[in-house]
Amino acid sequence: MSIYDYKVKNRNNDKVSLSEFKGKVLIIVNTATGCGFTPQY
């Protein structure tokens, strides 16, 4: 399994396969929105 096997939701809540970005630079950020320590989200 690689990063390109994952699907994520975009800002429109549509599922997007990360394989669409193969060959491009990706910056992946975990914002931890469900942990309770990030009230700004």
PDB file of N, CA and C in Angstrom:
ATOM      1  N   MET A   1       0.850  -1.174   0.000  1.00  0.00           N
ATOM      2  CA  MET A   1       0.000   0.000   0.000  1.00  0.00           C
ATOM      3  C   MET A   1       0.896   1.239   0.000  1.00  0.00           C
ATOM      4  N   SER A   2       0.489   2.229  -0.785  1.00  0.00           N
ATOM      5  CA  SER A   2       1.240   3.480  -0.831  1.00  0.00           C
ATOM      6  C   SER A   2       0.295   4.650  -0.569  1.00  0.00           C
ATOM      7  N   ILE A   3       0.837   5.824  -0.500  1.00  0.00           N
ATOM      8  CA  ILE A   3       0.044   7.032  -0.260  1.00  0.00           C
ATOM      9  C   ILE A   3      -0.974   7.233  -1.370  1.00  0.00           C
ATOM     10  N   TYR A   4      -0.674   6.747  -2.565  1.00  0.00           N
ATOM     11  CA  TYR A   4      -1.560   6.936  -3.707  1.00  0.00           C
ATOM     12  C   TYR A   4      -2.778   6.023  -3.680  1.00  0.00           C
ATOM     13  N   ASP A   5      -2.834   5.099  -2.738  1.00  0.00           N
ATOM     14  CA  ASP A   5      -3.994   4.214  -2.583  1.00  0.00           C
ATOM     15  C   ASP A   5      -5.091   4.853  -1.732  1.00  0.00           C
ATOM     16  N   TYR A   6      -4.817   5.968  -1.103  1.00  0.00           N
ATOM     17  CA  TYR A   6      -5.772   6.618  -0.210  1.00  0.00           C
ATOM     18  C   TYR A   6      -6.664   7.593  -0.965  1.00  0.00           C
ATOM     19  N   LYS A   7      -7.878   7.761  -0.433  1.00  0.00           N
ATOM     20  CA  LYS A   7      -8.797   8.776  -0.936  1.00  0.00           C
ATOM     21  C   LYS A   7      -9.089   9.731   0.218  1.00  0.00           C
ATOM     22  N   VAL A   8      -9.170  11.003  -0.100  1.00  0.00           N
ATOM     23  CA  VAL A   8      -9.433  12.037   0.906  1.00  0.00           C
ATOM     24  C   VAL A   8     -10.587  12.906   0.425  1.00  0.00           C
ATOM     25  N   LYS A   9     -11.153  13.671   1.332  1.00  0.00           N
ATOM     26  CA  LYS A   9     -12.218  14.590   0.967  1.00  0.00           C
ATOM     27  C   LYS A   9     -11.623  15.964   0.673  1.00  0.00           C
ATOM     28  N   ASN A  10     -12.101  16.577  -0.394  1.00  0.00           N
ATOM     29  CA  ASN A  10     -11.657  17.937  -0.710  1.00  0.00           C
ATOM     30  C   ASN A  10     -12.566  18.951  -0.022  1.00  0.00           C
ATOM     31  N   ARG A  11     -12.379  20.209  -0.296  1.00  0.00           N
ATOM     32  CA  ARG A  11     -13.152  21.243   0.405  1.00  0.00           C
ATOM     33  C   ARG A  11     -14.633  21.228   0.044  1.00  0.00           C
ATOM     34  N   ASN A  12     -14.987  20.547  -1.050  1.00  0.00           N
ATOM     35  CA  ASN A  12     -16.393  20.403  -1.435  1.00  0.00           C
ATOM     36  C   ASN A  12     -16.994  19.101  -0.904  1.00  0.00           C
ATOM     37  N   ASN A  13     -16.224  18.400  -0.067  1.00  0.00           N
ATOM     38  CA  ASN A  13     -16.635  17.140   0.550  1.00  0.00           C
ATOM     39  C   ASN A  13     -16.734  15.990  -0.457  1.00  0.00           C
ATOM     40  N   ASP A  14     -16.058  16.129  -1.607  1.00  0.00           N
ATOM     41  CA  ASP A  14     -15.995  15.065  -2.606  1.00  0.00           C
ATOM     42  C   ASP A  14     -14.764  14.215  -2.358  1.00  0.00           C
ATOM     43  N   LYS A  15     -14.857  12.898  -2.572  1.00  0.00           N
ATOM     44  CA  LYS A  15     -13.696  12.027  -2.408  1.00  0.00           C
ATOM     45  C   LYS A  15     -12.774  12.159  -3.610  1.00  0.00           C
ATOM     46  N   VAL A  16     -11.490  12.306  -3.331  1.00  0.00           N
ATOM     47  CA  VAL A  16     -10.467  12.468  -4.365  1.00  0.00           C
ATOM     48  C   VAL A  16      -9.363  11.464  -4.086  1.00  0.00           C
ATOM     49  N   SER A  17      -8.943  10.742  -5.102  1.00  0.00           N
ATOM     50  CA  SER A  17      -7.842   9.795  -4.955  1.00  0.00           C
ATOM     51  C   SER A  17      -6.515  10.550  -5.003  1.00  0.00           C
ATOM     52  N   LEU A  18      -5.627  10.226  -4.084  1.00  0.00           N
ATOM     53  CA  LEU A  18      -4.316  10.889  -4.095  1.00  0.00           C
ATOM     54  C   LEU A  18      -3.491  10.491  -5.316  1.00  0.00           C
ATOM     55  N   SER A  19      -3.903   9.438  -6.019  1.00  0.00           N
ATOM     56  CA  SER A  19      -3.184   9.053  -7.236  1.00  0.00           C
ATOM     57  C   SER A  19      -3.310  10.128  -8.317  1.00  0.00           C
ATOM     58  N   GLU A  20      -4.313  11.010  -8.197  1.00  0.00           N
ATOM     59  CA  GLU A  20      -4.449  12.116  -9.142  1.00  0.00           C
ATOM     60  C   GLU A  20      -3.275  13.086  -9.040  1.00  0.00           C
ATOM     61  N   PHE A  21      -2.557  13.054  -7.933  1.00  0.00           N
ATOM     62  CA  PHE A  21      -1.459  13.987  -7.703  1.00  0.00           C
ATOM     63  C   PHE A  21      -0.089  13.333  -7.894  1.00  0.00           C
ATOM     64  N   LYS A  22      -0.082  12.117  -8.443  1.00  0.00           N
ATOM     65  CA  LYS A  22       1.185  11.414  -8.662  1.00  0.00           C
ATOM     66  C   LYS A  22       2.090  12.248  -9.571  1.00  0.00           C
ATOM     67  N   GLY A  23       3.347  12.395  -9.155  1.00  0.00           N
ATOM     68  CA  GLY A  23       4.309  13.183  -9.912  1.00  0.00           C
ATOM     69  C   GLY A  23       4.357  14.644  -9.492  1.00  0.00           C
ATOM     70  N   LYS A  24       3.471  15.028  -8.556  1.00  0.00           N
ATOM     71  CA  LYS A  24       3.453  16.406  -8.060  1.00  0.00           C
ATOM     72  C   LYS A  24       3.897  16.412  -6.608  1.00  0.00           C
ATOM     73  N   VAL A  25       4.294  17.563  -6.137  1.00  0.00           N
ATOM     74  CA  VAL A  25       4.705  17.711  -4.739  1.00  0.00           C
ATOM     75  C   VAL A  25       3.459  17.827  -3.873  1.00  0.00           C
ATOM     76  N   LEU A  26       3.386  17.011  -2.809  1.00  0.00           N
ATOM     77  CA  LEU A  26       2.262  17.066  -1.883  1.00  0.00           C
ATOM     78  C   LEU A  26       2.737  17.522  -0.515  1.00  0.00           C
ATOM     79  N   ILE A  27       1.963  18.366   0.108  1.00  0.00           N
ATOM     80  CA  ILE A  27       2.187  18.728   1.508  1.00  0.00           C
ATOM     81  C   ILE A  27       0.967  18.208   2.263  1.00  0.00           C
ATOM     82  N   ILE A  28       1.188  17.260   3.153  1.00  0.00           N
ATOM     83  CA  ILE A  28       0.098  16.639   3.906  1.00  0.00           C
ATOM     84  C   ILE A  28       0.177  17.136   5.336  1.00  0.00           C
ATOM     85  N   VAL A  29      -0.924  17.745   5.801  1.00  0.00           N
ATOM     86  CA  VAL A  29      -0.962  18.346   7.134  1.00  0.00           C
ATOM     87  C   VAL A  29      -2.077  17.692   7.933  1.00  0.00           C
ATOM     88  N   ASN A  30      -1.759  17.222   9.120  1.00  0.00           N
ATOM     89  CA  ASN A  30      -2.749  16.682  10.033  1.00  0.00           C
ATOM     90  C   ASN A  30      -3.160  17.805  10.984  1.00  0.00           C
ATOM     91  N   THR A  31      -4.387  18.278  10.830  1.00  0.00           N
ATOM     92  CA  THR A  31      -4.832  19.386  11.666  1.00  0.00           C
ATOM     93  C   THR A  31      -5.457  18.924  12.977  1.00  0.00           C
ATOM     94  N   ALA A  32      -5.667  17.636  13.160  1.00  0.00           N
ATOM     95  CA  ALA A  32      -6.190  17.069  14.411  1.00  0.00           C
ATOM     96  C   ALA A  32      -7.456  17.775  14.866  1.00  0.00           C
ATOM     97  N   THR A  33      -8.412  17.923  13.970  1.00  0.00           N
ATOM     98  CA  THR A  33      -9.622  18.677  14.294  1.00  0.00           C
ATOM     99  C   THR A  33     -10.505  17.987  15.321  1.00  0.00           C
ATOM    100  N   GLY A  34     -10.359  16.697  15.519  1.00  0.00           N
ATOM    101  CA  GLY A  34     -11.231  15.995  16.438  1.00  0.00           C
ATOM    102  C   GLY A  34     -10.674  15.813  17.828  1.00  0.00           C
ATOM    103  N   CYS A  35      -9.515  16.366  18.137  1.00  0.00           N
ATOM    104  CA  CYS A  35      -8.877  16.077  19.415  1.00  0.00           C
ATOM    105  C   CYS A  35      -9.343  16.982  20.557  1.00  0.00           C
ATOM    106  N   GLY A  36      -9.960  18.119  20.248  1.00  0.00           N
ATOM    107  CA  GLY A  36     -10.408  19.018  21.301  1.00  0.00           C
ATOM    108  C   GLY A  36      -9.394  20.074  21.690  1.00  0.00           C
ATOM    109  N   PHE A  37      -8.165  19.960  21.205  1.00  0.00           N
ATOM    110  CA  PHE A  37      -7.133  20.936  21.525  1.00  0.00           C
ATOM    111  C   PHE A  37      -6.975  22.011  20.452  1.00  0.00           C
ATOM    112  N   THR A  38      -7.868  21.991  19.472  1.00  0.00           N
ATOM    113  CA  THR A  38      -7.789  22.961  18.374  1.00  0.00           C
ATOM    114  C   THR A  38      -9.128  23.679  18.226  1.00  0.00           C
ATOM    115  N   PRO A  39      -9.497  24.515  19.176  1.00  0.00           N
ATOM    116  CA  PRO A  39     -10.813  25.180  19.103  1.00  0.00           C
ATOM    117  C   PRO A  39     -10.933  26.139  17.921  1.00  0.00           C
ATOM    118  N   GLN A  40      -9.828  26.565  17.344  1.00  0.00           N
ATOM    119  CA  GLN A  40      -9.884  27.483  16.222  1.00  0.00           C
ATOM    120  C   GLN A  40     -10.479  26.819  14.983  1.00  0.00           C
ATOM    121  N   TYR A  41     -10.540  25.495  14.957  1.00  0.00           N
ATOM    122  CA  TYR A  41     -11.149  24.806  13.815  1.00  0.00           C
ATOM    123  C   TYR A  41     -12.602  24.573  14.110  1.00  0.00           C
TER     124      TYR A  41
END
